[in-house]
Amino acid sequence: MISRLESSPQSIRVAIADTTRMNSQLVAGALKRCHHNFEVCALSSNSSIAFGELQNYRPDVTLISARLEDGPLTGFKLLHELRSSESKTPAVMLLDTTERELVIDAFRSGARGVFCRDYSFKTLPKCIRCVHEGQVWVSNVELEFLLDLVVNLKPQKARASLGMALLTPREKDVVRLAAEGMRNQDIAAKLGVTEHTVRNYMFRIFDKLGISSRVELVLYAFSGVERIPTTAPSPALLYHNGIES
């Protein structure tokens, strides 16, 4: 059980949920040594357990890896749960790469900043302080992604109330397998169809549910709006976004 620490007036409580508990502890140790007056707590790398720990610890800033031990997209699930719980703690999403859809979905899910592992660690303390002060941490490249999204934004089709009832049984199978972390090639092999057929299913599913990315589809499957029997994606599977994956 994590207990809330007594803070000095200017200290910032930081919680970290990285891909493994060891990774979280390594980042926590590095932040403690950088003399920025951080009180750092390494959380579980399991999204469900980390959510409970965050409720108890109540940090000032949370760092969440997009990929946790229970799946390559479960960091988004944790971020979504924090937002749904009306938590006021700002979060920074840790990304392996600045892939456009990952950046966009991080901010859609409620992140106040994204930090790529390719960046220098020396800028991470500045990122944390920036977000703690109510600002948004985003690079010029990532900002271009967001501006491009706004320029090309189309009205979403609000169909969540109908949800899975709009889908055929085969489309529901595709949703279930995608939520388990399978790529289109794997789904095609599992269902005995071509990869082209799976892409067509994805187009129809995205259109019916009013979503635009694979991350949104996985979050929808885990959201509890209509429970889909799924198992967590294998940590060995890397994130592949979109219909073409």
C-alpha atoms as a PDB file:
ATOM      1  CA  MET A   1       0.000   0.000   0.000  1.00  0.00           C
ATOM      2  CA  ILE A   2       1.334   3.426  -0.934  1.00  0.00           C
ATOM      3  CA  SER A   3       1.004   6.135   1.679  1.00  0.00           C
ATOM      4  CA  ARG A   4       0.816   9.816   0.855  1.00  0.00           C
ATOM      5  CA  LEU A   5       4.023  11.615   1.730  1.00  0.00           C
ATOM      6  CA  GLU A   6       4.282  14.813   3.730  1.00  0.00           C
ATOM      7  CA  SER A   7       5.463  17.443   1.252  1.00  0.00           C
ATOM      8  CA  SER A   8       7.668  20.444   1.695  1.00  0.00           C
ATOM      9  CA  PRO A   9       6.015  23.679   0.481  1.00  0.00           C
ATOM     10  CA  GLN A  10       7.566  23.707  -2.996  1.00  0.00           C
ATOM     11  CA  SER A  11       7.942  19.990  -3.639  1.00  0.00           C
ATOM     12  CA  ILE A  12       6.044  18.251  -6.428  1.00  0.00           C
ATOM     13  CA  ARG A  13       4.657  14.760  -5.886  1.00  0.00           C
ATOM     14  CA  VAL A  14       5.250  12.674  -9.017  1.00  0.00           C
ATOM     15  CA  ALA A  15       3.864   9.180  -9.675  1.00  0.00           C
ATOM     16  CA  ILE A  16       5.247   6.957 -12.427  1.00  0.00           C
ATOM     17  CA  ALA A  17       3.572   3.990 -14.124  1.00  0.00           C
ATOM     18  CA  ASP A  18       6.064   2.605 -16.641  1.00  0.00           C
ATOM     19  CA  THR A  19       6.180  -0.598 -18.706  1.00  0.00           C
ATOM     20  CA  THR A  20       7.646  -2.562 -15.778  1.00  0.00           C
ATOM     21  CA  ARG A  21       7.987  -1.888 -12.061  1.00  0.00           C
ATOM     22  CA  MET A  22      11.762  -1.823 -12.510  1.00  0.00           C
ATOM     23  CA  ASN A  23      11.499   0.863 -15.206  1.00  0.00           C
ATOM     24  CA  SER A  24       9.306   2.942 -12.884  1.00  0.00           C
ATOM     25  CA  GLN A  25      11.833   2.601 -10.075  1.00  0.00           C
ATOM     26  CA  LEU A  26      14.732   3.564 -12.368  1.00  0.00           C
ATOM     27  CA  VAL A  27      12.959   6.714 -13.564  1.00  0.00           C
ATOM     28  CA  ALA A  28      11.921   7.523  -9.997  1.00  0.00           C
ATOM     29  CA  GLY A  29      15.522   7.182  -8.800  1.00  0.00           C
ATOM     30  CA  ALA A  30      16.813   9.401 -11.600  1.00  0.00           C
ATOM     31  CA  LEU A  31      14.247  12.117 -10.843  1.00  0.00           C
ATOM     32  CA  LYS A  32      15.105  12.049  -7.144  1.00  0.00           C
ATOM     33  CA  ARG A  33      18.769  12.619  -7.985  1.00  0.00           C
ATOM     34  CA  CYS A  34      18.184  15.599 -10.291  1.00  0.00           C
ATOM     35  CA  HIS A  35      17.715  18.096  -7.401  1.00  0.00           C
ATOM     36  CA  HIS A  36      14.372  19.484  -8.550  1.00  0.00           C
ATOM     37  CA  ASN A  37      12.601  18.849  -5.239  1.00  0.00           C
ATOM     38  CA  PHE A  38      10.450  15.986  -6.500  1.00  0.00           C
ATOM     39  CA  GLU A  39       8.827  13.405  -4.248  1.00  0.00           C
ATOM     40  CA  VAL A  40       8.585  10.413  -6.568  1.00  0.00           C
ATOM     41  CA  CYS A  41       6.568   7.223  -6.257  1.00  0.00           C
ATOM     42  CA  ALA A  42       6.970   4.198  -8.567  1.00  0.00           C
ATOM     43  CA  LEU A  43       3.557   2.680  -9.250  1.00  0.00           C
ATOM     44  CA  SER A  44       2.600  -0.800 -10.368  1.00  0.00           C
ATOM     45  CA  SER A  45       2.994  -1.400 -14.100  1.00  0.00           C
ATOM     46  CA  ASN A  46      -0.455  -3.030 -14.134  1.00  0.00           C
ATOM     47  CA  SER A  47      -3.059  -0.464 -15.190  1.00  0.00           C
ATOM     48  CA  SER A  48      -5.791  -1.594 -12.781  1.00  0.00           C
ATOM     49  CA  ILE A  49      -3.496  -1.712  -9.760  1.00  0.00           C
ATOM     50  CA  ALA A  50      -1.851   1.590 -10.703  1.00  0.00           C
ATOM     51  CA  PHE A  51      -5.274   3.263 -10.842  1.00  0.00           C
ATOM     52  CA  GLY A  52      -5.960   2.237  -7.235  1.00  0.00           C
ATOM     53  CA  GLU A  53      -2.524   3.434  -6.132  1.00  0.00           C
ATOM     54  CA  LEU A  54      -3.101   6.813  -7.767  1.00  0.00           C
ATOM     55  CA  GLN A  55      -6.372   7.220  -5.896  1.00  0.00           C
ATOM     56  CA  ASN A  56      -4.488   6.683  -2.642  1.00  0.00           C
ATOM     57  CA  TYR A  57      -1.297   8.614  -3.386  1.00  0.00           C
ATOM     58  CA  ARG A  58      -2.897  11.637  -5.132  1.00  0.00           C
ATOM     59  CA  PRO A  59       0.215  13.003  -6.862  1.00  0.00           C
ATOM     60  CA  ASP A  60       0.634  16.456  -8.366  1.00  0.00           C
ATOM     61  CA  VAL A  61       1.736  15.015 -11.725  1.00  0.00           C
ATOM     62  CA  THR A  62       1.511  11.488 -13.114  1.00  0.00           C
ATOM     63  CA  LEU A  63       3.764   9.949 -15.774  1.00  0.00           C
ATOM     64  CA  ILE A  64       2.057   7.083 -17.624  1.00  0.00           C
ATOM     65  CA  SER A  65       3.638   4.849 -20.231  1.00  0.00           C
ATOM     66  CA  ALA A  66       1.435   4.118 -23.248  1.00  0.00           C
ATOM     67  CA  ARG A  67       2.451   0.482 -22.888  1.00  0.00           C
ATOM     68  CA  LEU A  68       2.117  -1.227 -19.503  1.00  0.00           C
ATOM     69  CA  GLU A  69       2.695  -4.840 -18.502  1.00  0.00           C
ATOM     70  CA  ASP A  70      -0.942  -5.803 -19.123  1.00  0.00           C
ATOM     71  CA  GLY A  71      -0.922  -4.639 -22.747  1.00  0.00           C
ATOM     72  CA  PRO A  72       0.530  -2.266 -25.360  1.00  0.00           C
ATOM     73  CA  LEU A  73      -2.388   0.187 -25.113  1.00  0.00           C
ATOM     74  CA  THR A  74      -3.355  -0.071 -21.451  1.00  0.00           C
ATOM     75  CA  GLY A  75      -1.634   3.197 -20.570  1.00  0.00           C
ATOM     76  CA  PHE A  76      -4.390   4.868 -22.587  1.00  0.00           C
ATOM     77  CA  LYS A  77      -6.923   2.863 -20.605  1.00  0.00           C
ATOM     78  CA  LEU A  78      -5.423   4.109 -17.324  1.00  0.00           C
ATOM     79  CA  LEU A  79      -5.410   7.697 -18.600  1.00  0.00           C
ATOM     80  CA  HIS A  80      -9.041   7.347 -19.678  1.00  0.00           C
ATOM     81  CA  GLU A  81     -10.014   5.953 -16.261  1.00  0.00           C
ATOM     82  CA  LEU A  82      -8.340   8.884 -14.503  1.00  0.00           C
ATOM     83  CA  ARG A  83     -10.241  11.313 -16.686  1.00  0.00           C
ATOM     84  CA  SER A  84     -13.527   9.461 -16.050  1.00  0.00           C
ATOM     85  CA  SER A  85     -12.892   9.584 -12.289  1.00  0.00           C
ATOM     86  CA  GLU A  86     -12.698  13.393 -12.567  1.00  0.00           C
ATOM     87  CA  SER A  87      -9.178  13.318 -11.195  1.00  0.00           C
ATOM     88  CA  LYS A  88      -7.595  16.757 -11.300  1.00  0.00           C
ATOM     89  CA  THR A  89      -4.068  15.340 -11.458  1.00  0.00           C
ATOM     90  CA  PRO A  90      -2.441  16.293 -14.789  1.00  0.00           C
ATOM     91  CA  ALA A  91      -0.798  13.431 -16.654  1.00  0.00           C
ATOM     92  CA  VAL A  92       2.088  13.128 -19.087  1.00  0.00           C
ATOM     93  CA  MET A  93       2.050  10.212 -21.529  1.00  0.00           C
ATOM     94  CA  LEU A  94       5.392   8.475 -22.089  1.00  0.00           C
ATOM     95  CA  LEU A  95       5.692   7.347 -25.720  1.00  0.00           C
ATOM     96  CA  ASP A  96       8.272   5.146 -27.414  1.00  0.00           C
ATOM     97  CA  THR A  97       7.944   7.213 -30.610  1.00  0.00           C
ATOM     98  CA  THR A  98       6.218  10.435 -31.657  1.00  0.00           C
ATOM     99  CA  GLU A  99       3.792   8.598 -33.898  1.00  0.00           C
ATOM    100  CA  ARG A 100       1.019  10.931 -35.022  1.00  0.00           C
ATOM    101  CA  GLU A 101      -1.951   8.865 -33.897  1.00  0.00           C
ATOM    102  CA  LEU A 102      -0.362   8.064 -30.537  1.00  0.00           C
ATOM    103  CA  VAL A 103       0.218  11.753 -29.848  1.00  0.00           C
ATOM    104  CA  ILE A 104      -3.319  12.705 -30.867  1.00  0.00           C
ATOM    105  CA  ASP A 105      -4.926   9.910 -28.843  1.00  0.00           C
ATOM    106  CA  ALA A 106      -2.843  10.808 -25.783  1.00  0.00           C
ATOM    107  CA  PHE A 107      -4.294  14.320 -25.758  1.00  0.00           C
ATOM    108  CA  ARG A 108      -7.758  13.025 -26.607  1.00  0.00           C
ATOM    109  CA  SER A 109      -7.536  10.767 -23.569  1.00  0.00           C
ATOM    110  CA  GLY A 110      -6.732  13.695 -21.296  1.00  0.00           C
ATOM    111  CA  ALA A 111      -2.928  14.004 -21.232  1.00  0.00           C
ATOM    112  CA  ARG A 112      -1.499  17.454 -20.570  1.00  0.00           C
ATOM    113  CA  GLY A 113       1.745  16.545 -22.247  1.00  0.00           C
ATOM    114  CA  VAL A 114       3.591  13.829 -24.121  1.00  0.00           C
ATOM    115  CA  PHE A 115       7.225  12.893 -23.588  1.00  0.00           C
ATOM    116  CA  CYS A 116       9.032  10.673 -26.081  1.00  0.00           C
ATOM    117  CA  ARG A 117      11.741   8.331 -24.807  1.00  0.00           C
ATOM    118  CA  ASP A 118      13.999   9.625 -27.582  1.00  0.00           C
ATOM    119  CA  TYR A 119      14.153  13.002 -25.824  1.00  0.00           C
ATOM    120  CA  SER A 120      16.943  13.863 -23.414  1.00  0.00           C
ATOM    121  CA  PHE A 121      16.120  12.872 -19.848  1.00  0.00           C
ATOM    122  CA  LYS A 122      17.340  16.319 -18.769  1.00  0.00           C
ATOM    123  CA  THR A 123      14.154  17.849 -20.204  1.00  0.00           C
ATOM    124  CA  LEU A 124      11.811  15.577 -18.231  1.00  0.00           C
ATOM    125  CA  PRO A 125      11.987  17.645 -14.996  1.00  0.00           C
ATOM    126  CA  LYS A 126      11.134  20.753 -17.019  1.00  0.00           C
ATOM    127  CA  CYS A 127       8.192  18.875 -18.581  1.00  0.00           C
ATOM    128  CA  ILE A 128       6.911  17.884 -15.129  1.00  0.00           C
ATOM    129  CA  ARG A 129       7.158  21.430 -13.754  1.00  0.00           C
ATOM    130  CA  CYS A 130       5.534  22.874 -16.862  1.00  0.00           C
ATOM    131  CA  VAL A 131       2.529  20.555 -16.591  1.00  0.00           C
ATOM    132  CA  HIS A 132       2.332  21.101 -12.818  1.00  0.00           C
ATOM    133  CA  GLU A 133       2.049  24.857 -13.466  1.00  0.00           C
ATOM    134  CA  GLY A 134      -0.970  24.287 -15.707  1.00  0.00           C
ATOM    135  CA  GLN A 135       0.777  24.493 -19.047  1.00  0.00           C
ATOM    136  CA  VAL A 136       0.792  21.957 -21.893  1.00  0.00           C
ATOM    137  CA  TRP A 137       4.039  20.193 -22.813  1.00  0.00           C
ATOM    138  CA  VAL A 138       4.246  19.545 -26.550  1.00  0.00           C
ATOM    139  CA  SER A 139       7.034  19.742 -29.138  1.00  0.00           C
ATOM    140  CA  ASN A 140       6.715  21.649 -32.415  1.00  0.00           C
ATOM    141  CA  VAL A 141       6.299  18.381 -34.320  1.00  0.00           C
ATOM    142  CA  GLU A 142       3.550  17.175 -31.977  1.00  0.00           C
ATOM    143  CA  LEU A 143       1.851  20.576 -32.119  1.00  0.00           C
ATOM    144  CA  GLU A 144       1.740  20.282 -35.903  1.00  0.00           C
ATOM    145  CA  PHE A 145      -0.114  16.970 -35.502  1.00  0.00           C
ATOM    146  CA  LEU A 146      -2.724  18.646 -33.287  1.00  0.00           C
ATOM    147  CA  LEU A 147      -3.132  21.672 -35.555  1.00  0.00           C
ATOM    148  CA  ASP A 148      -3.539  19.409 -38.570  1.00  0.00           C
ATOM    149  CA  LEU A 149      -6.211  17.484 -36.676  1.00  0.00           C
ATOM    150  CA  VAL A 150      -8.155  20.671 -35.916  1.00  0.00           C
ATOM    151  CA  VAL A 151      -7.938  21.878 -39.517  1.00  0.00           C
ATOM    152  CA  ASN A 152      -9.223  18.573 -40.886  1.00  0.00           C
ATOM    153  CA  LEU A 153     -11.661  17.794 -38.077  1.00  0.00           C
ATOM    154  CA  LYS A 154     -14.985  16.367 -39.152  1.00  0.00           C
ATOM    155  CA  PRO A 155     -18.049  16.075 -36.924  1.00  0.00           C
ATOM    156  CA  GLN A 156     -18.035  12.767 -35.075  1.00  0.00           C
ATOM    157  CA  LYS A 157     -21.035  10.542 -35.505  1.00  0.00           C
ATOM    158  CA  ALA A 158     -22.505  10.236 -32.033  1.00  0.00           C
ATOM    159  CA  ARG A 159     -23.588   6.614 -32.094  1.00  0.00           C
ATOM    160  CA  ALA A 160     -22.336   5.388 -28.708  1.00  0.00           C
ATOM    161  CA  SER A 161     -25.917   4.962 -27.515  1.00  0.00           C
ATOM    162  CA  LEU A 162     -26.449   2.208 -30.097  1.00  0.00           C
ATOM    163  CA  GLY A 163     -22.918   0.855 -29.793  1.00  0.00           C
ATOM    164  CA  MET A 164     -22.366  -2.805 -30.480  1.00  0.00           C
ATOM    165  CA  ALA A 165     -25.965  -3.270 -31.584  1.00  0.00           C
ATOM    166  CA  LEU A 166     -24.919  -1.655 -34.860  1.00  0.00           C
ATOM    167  CA  LEU A 167     -22.316  -4.337 -35.538  1.00  0.00           C
ATOM    168  CA  THR A 168     -22.747  -7.728 -37.161  1.00  0.00           C
ATOM    169  CA  PRO A 169     -21.556 -10.834 -35.267  1.00  0.00           C
ATOM    170  CA  ARG A 170     -18.412 -10.976 -37.429  1.00  0.00           C
ATOM    171  CA  GLU A 171     -17.665  -7.293 -36.813  1.00  0.00           C
ATOM    172  CA  LYS A 172     -17.986  -7.947 -33.075  1.00  0.00           C
ATOM    173  CA  ASP A 173     -15.425 -10.737 -33.448  1.00  0.00           C
ATOM    174  CA  VAL A 174     -13.062  -8.289 -35.132  1.00  0.00           C
ATOM    175  CA  VAL A 175     -13.531  -5.755 -32.304  1.00  0.00           C
ATOM    176  CA  ARG A 176     -12.828  -8.435 -29.685  1.00  0.00           C
ATOM    177  CA  LEU A 177      -9.642  -9.603 -31.401  1.00  0.00           C
ATOM    178  CA  ALA A 178      -8.412  -6.044 -32.040  1.00  0.00           C
ATOM    179  CA  ALA A 179      -8.959  -5.258 -28.353  1.00  0.00           C
ATOM    180  CA  GLU A 180      -6.754  -8.237 -27.488  1.00  0.00           C
ATOM    181  CA  GLY A 181      -3.894  -6.587 -29.392  1.00  0.00           C
ATOM    182  CA  MET A 182      -4.078  -8.544 -32.647  1.00  0.00           C
ATOM    183  CA  ARG A 183      -3.001  -6.907 -35.880  1.00  0.00           C
ATOM    184  CA  ASN A 184      -5.079  -7.212 -39.038  1.00  0.00           C
ATOM    185  CA  GLN A 185      -2.886 -10.053 -40.305  1.00  0.00           C
ATOM    186  CA  ASP A 186      -3.434 -12.006 -37.073  1.00  0.00           C
ATOM    187  CA  ILE A 187      -7.184 -11.320 -37.096  1.00  0.00           C
ATOM    188  CA  ALA A 188      -7.407 -12.539 -40.701  1.00  0.00           C
ATOM    189  CA  ALA A 189      -5.631 -15.796 -39.804  1.00  0.00           C
ATOM    190  CA  LYS A 190      -7.834 -16.290 -36.736  1.00  0.00           C
ATOM    191  CA  LEU A 191     -11.081 -15.755 -38.653  1.00  0.00           C
ATOM    192  CA  GLY A 192      -9.987 -17.515 -41.845  1.00  0.00           C
ATOM    193  CA  VAL A 193     -10.425 -14.465 -44.081  1.00  0.00           C
ATOM    194  CA  THR A 194      -8.077 -12.207 -46.049  1.00  0.00           C
ATOM    195  CA  GLU A 195      -6.348  -9.166 -44.560  1.00  0.00           C
ATOM    196  CA  HIS A 196      -8.193  -7.029 -47.112  1.00  0.00           C
ATOM    197  CA  THR A 197     -11.496  -8.307 -45.699  1.00  0.00           C
ATOM    198  CA  VAL A 198     -10.400  -7.369 -42.168  1.00  0.00           C
ATOM    199  CA  ARG A 199      -9.556  -3.831 -43.336  1.00  0.00           C
ATOM    200  CA  ASN A 200     -13.047  -3.562 -44.821  1.00  0.00           C
ATOM    201  CA  TYR A 201     -14.513  -4.696 -41.501  1.00  0.00           C
ATOM    202  CA  MET A 202     -12.449  -2.021 -39.730  1.00  0.00           C
ATOM    203  CA  PHE A 203     -13.732   0.703 -42.055  1.00  0.00           C
ATOM    204  CA  ARG A 204     -17.319  -0.297 -41.309  1.00  0.00           C
ATOM    205  CA  ILE A 205     -16.702  -0.626 -37.549  1.00  0.00           C
ATOM    206  CA  PHE A 206     -15.061   2.812 -37.330  1.00  0.00           C
ATOM    207  CA  ASP A 207     -17.944   4.322 -39.294  1.00  0.00           C
ATOM    208  CA  LYS A 208     -20.678   2.648 -37.226  1.00  0.00           C
ATOM    209  CA  LEU A 209     -19.122   3.515 -33.858  1.00  0.00           C
ATOM    210  CA  GLY A 210     -18.110   7.042 -34.846  1.00  0.00           C
ATOM    211  CA  ILE A 211     -14.443   6.509 -33.981  1.00  0.00           C
ATOM    212  CA  SER A 212     -11.284   7.220 -35.944  1.00  0.00           C
ATOM    213  CA  SER A 213      -8.425   5.147 -34.547  1.00  0.00           C
ATOM    214  CA  ARG A 214      -7.517   1.748 -33.180  1.00  0.00           C
ATOM    215  CA  VAL A 215      -6.805   3.259 -29.750  1.00  0.00           C
ATOM    216  CA  GLU A 216     -10.369   4.589 -29.606  1.00  0.00           C
ATOM    217  CA  LEU A 217     -11.633   1.139 -30.578  1.00  0.00           C
ATOM    218  CA  VAL A 218      -9.669  -0.534 -27.780  1.00  0.00           C
ATOM    219  CA  LEU A 219     -10.824   2.077 -25.244  1.00  0.00           C
ATOM    220  CA  TYR A 220     -14.395   1.518 -26.401  1.00  0.00           C
ATOM    221  CA  ALA A 221     -14.011  -2.225 -25.899  1.00  0.00           C
ATOM    222  CA  PHE A 222     -12.657  -1.707 -22.365  1.00  0.00           C
ATOM    223  CA  SER A 223     -15.014   1.141 -21.459  1.00  0.00           C
ATOM    224  CA  GLY A 224     -17.846  -0.996 -20.145  1.00  0.00           C
ATOM    225  CA  VAL A 225     -20.382   0.763 -22.415  1.00  0.00           C
ATOM    226  CA  GLU A 226     -21.151  -2.696 -23.688  1.00  0.00           C
ATOM    227  CA  ARG A 227     -18.912  -5.353 -22.227  1.00  0.00           C
ATOM    228  CA  ILE A 228     -17.009  -7.295 -24.855  1.00  0.00           C
ATOM    229  CA  PRO A 229     -15.272 -10.455 -23.614  1.00  0.00           C
ATOM    230  CA  THR A 230     -11.584  -9.703 -24.086  1.00  0.00           C
ATOM    231  CA  THR A 231      -8.230 -10.624 -22.682  1.00  0.00           C
ATOM    232  CA  ALA A 232      -5.491  -8.043 -22.261  1.00  0.00           C
ATOM    233  CA  PRO A 233      -3.160  -7.694 -25.263  1.00  0.00           C
ATOM    234  CA  SER A 234       0.179  -9.444 -25.000  1.00  0.00           C
ATOM    235  CA  PRO A 235       2.981  -7.102 -23.884  1.00  0.00           C
ATOM    236  CA  ALA A 236       5.071  -8.572 -26.711  1.00  0.00           C
ATOM    237  CA  LEU A 237       2.758  -7.023 -29.297  1.00  0.00           C
ATOM    238  CA  LEU A 238       3.811  -3.543 -30.343  1.00  0.00           C
ATOM    239  CA  TYR A 239       1.275  -0.818 -31.020  1.00  0.00           C
ATOM    240  CA  HIS A 240       0.043  -0.667 -34.613  1.00  0.00           C
ATOM    241  CA  ASN A 241      -2.545   2.054 -35.086  1.00  0.00           C
ATOM    242  CA  GLY A 242      -5.380   2.403 -37.555  1.00  0.00           C
ATOM    243  CA  ILE A 243      -7.256   0.425 -40.136  1.00  0.00           C
ATOM    244  CA  GLU A 244      -4.143  -0.566 -42.049  1.00  0.00           C
ATOM    245  CA  SER A 245      -2.489  -2.321 -39.088  1.00  0.00           C
END
